[in-house]
Amino acid sequence: MSWIKRKVFLMIAILLPTLIAIFILEFFLKVSLGLGQPIVYDKSLIWGYSPRAQSQYERFDGEIVTINDVGLRSTFMWNNNNNKKILFLGDSVT
């Protein structure tokens, strides 16, 4: 066996199990954990980015994430109601 054939065989012996492990992990993450449908973001002039408006995504354990008409995670539609509204921006402490 020449040294080129040994190197090719060694590369295949290392890469093949790695690729199989990556495909199994990807399948597990997509199917079992619900990571197959990522939330899509659009550019926003106000805060840089926001989730795509009027979208629904199925995430972990069949949970539904709803993005309303202004790109916020809520089922409340802002443009359909004439009442005054207050919007708080911030993290979990807010």
Protein backbone atom coordinates (compact mmCIF):
# COMPACT_ATOMS: atom_id res chain seq x y z
CA MET A 1 0.00 0.00 0.00
CA SER A 2 1.49 3.32 -1.02
CA TRP A 3 1.68 6.29 1.32
CA ILE A 4 -1.02 8.18 -0.67
CA LYS A 5 -3.47 5.32 -0.30
CA ARG A 6 -2.72 5.16 3.44
CA LYS A 7 -3.37 8.88 3.85
CA VAL A 8 -6.65 8.67 1.90
CA PHE A 9 -7.74 5.66 3.93
CA LEU A 10 -6.85 7.46 7.18
CA MET A 11 -8.76 10.58 6.12
CA ILE A 12 -11.85 8.51 5.26
CA ALA A 13 -11.56 6.56 8.52
CA ILE A 14 -11.54 9.82 10.49
CA LEU A 15 -14.04 11.89 8.48
CA LEU A 16 -16.75 9.29 7.92
CA PRO A 17 -17.64 8.68 11.60
CA THR A 18 -17.47 12.43 12.23
CA LEU A 19 -19.91 13.17 9.40
CA ILE A 20 -22.27 10.43 10.57
CA ALA A 21 -22.22 11.87 14.11
CA ILE A 22 -22.96 15.37 12.77
CA PHE A 23 -25.97 14.14 10.75
CA ILE A 24 -27.34 12.19 13.73
CA LEU A 25 -26.95 15.26 15.98
CA GLU A 26 -28.64 17.52 13.44
CA PHE A 27 -31.55 15.11 13.05
CA PHE A 28 -31.92 14.89 16.84
CA LEU A 29 -31.92 18.68 17.25
CA LYS A 30 -34.41 19.25 14.43
CA VAL A 31 -36.88 16.50 15.19
CA SER A 32 -36.65 15.90 18.94
CA LEU A 33 -35.99 19.40 20.26
CA GLY A 34 -37.91 21.44 17.70
CA LEU A 35 -34.97 23.43 16.35
CA GLY A 36 -35.81 22.75 12.70
CA GLN A 37 -37.71 25.98 12.12
CA PRO A 38 -35.70 28.99 13.31
CA ILE A 39 -37.33 32.36 13.97
CA VAL A 40 -36.59 34.65 11.00
CA TYR A 41 -35.48 38.23 11.70
CA ASP A 42 -35.84 41.37 9.56
CA LYS A 43 -33.94 44.65 9.74
CA SER A 44 -35.57 47.33 11.87
CA LEU A 45 -34.73 51.02 11.80
CA ILE A 46 -35.75 51.41 15.44
CA TRP A 47 -33.81 48.66 17.25
CA GLY A 48 -31.66 47.04 14.56
CA TYR A 49 -33.58 43.81 14.05
CA SER A 50 -36.94 42.30 14.90
CA PRO A 51 -38.70 39.00 14.26
CA ARG A 52 -40.57 38.85 10.95
CA ALA A 53 -44.08 40.27 11.44
CA GLN A 54 -47.19 38.06 11.39
CA SER A 55 -45.40 34.73 11.75
CA GLN A 56 -45.97 31.56 13.72
CA TYR A 57 -43.32 29.00 14.61
CA GLU A 58 -43.54 25.64 16.35
CA ARG A 59 -40.73 25.27 18.86
CA PHE A 60 -39.91 23.03 21.85
CA ASP A 61 -42.51 20.41 22.77
CA GLY A 62 -45.02 21.74 20.24
CA GLU A 63 -45.12 25.23 21.74
CA ILE A 64 -46.27 27.91 19.29
CA VAL A 65 -44.38 31.22 19.08
CA THR A 66 -46.57 33.94 17.57
CA ILE A 67 -45.11 37.18 16.17
CA ASN A 68 -47.70 39.95 15.83
CA ASP A 69 -48.06 42.66 13.18
CA VAL A 70 -45.28 44.89 14.58
CA GLY A 71 -42.71 42.11 15.13
CA LEU A 72 -43.26 41.44 18.85
CA ARG A 73 -43.82 38.03 20.45
CA SER A 74 -47.50 38.47 21.21
CA THR A 75 -50.91 37.56 19.84
CA PHE A 76 -52.15 41.14 20.40
CA MET A 77 -52.54 42.99 17.08
CA TRP A 78 -51.58 46.64 17.41
CA ASN A 79 -53.09 47.95 14.17
CA ASN A 80 -56.55 46.45 14.77
CA ASN A 81 -57.35 48.33 17.99
CA ASN A 82 -57.69 52.07 18.61
CA ASN A 83 -57.05 51.90 22.38
CA LYS A 84 -53.99 53.59 23.85
CA LYS A 85 -51.10 51.20 24.38
CA ILE A 86 -47.91 51.15 26.44
CA LEU A 87 -44.87 49.30 25.16
CA PHE A 88 -42.01 48.39 27.52
CA LEU A 89 -38.65 47.66 25.93
CA GLY A 90 -35.93 45.86 27.82
CA ASP A 91 -34.76 42.52 29.08
CA SER A 92 -36.25 40.14 31.68
CA VAL A 93 -35.69 42.69 34.50
CA THR A 94 -38.00 45.20 32.80
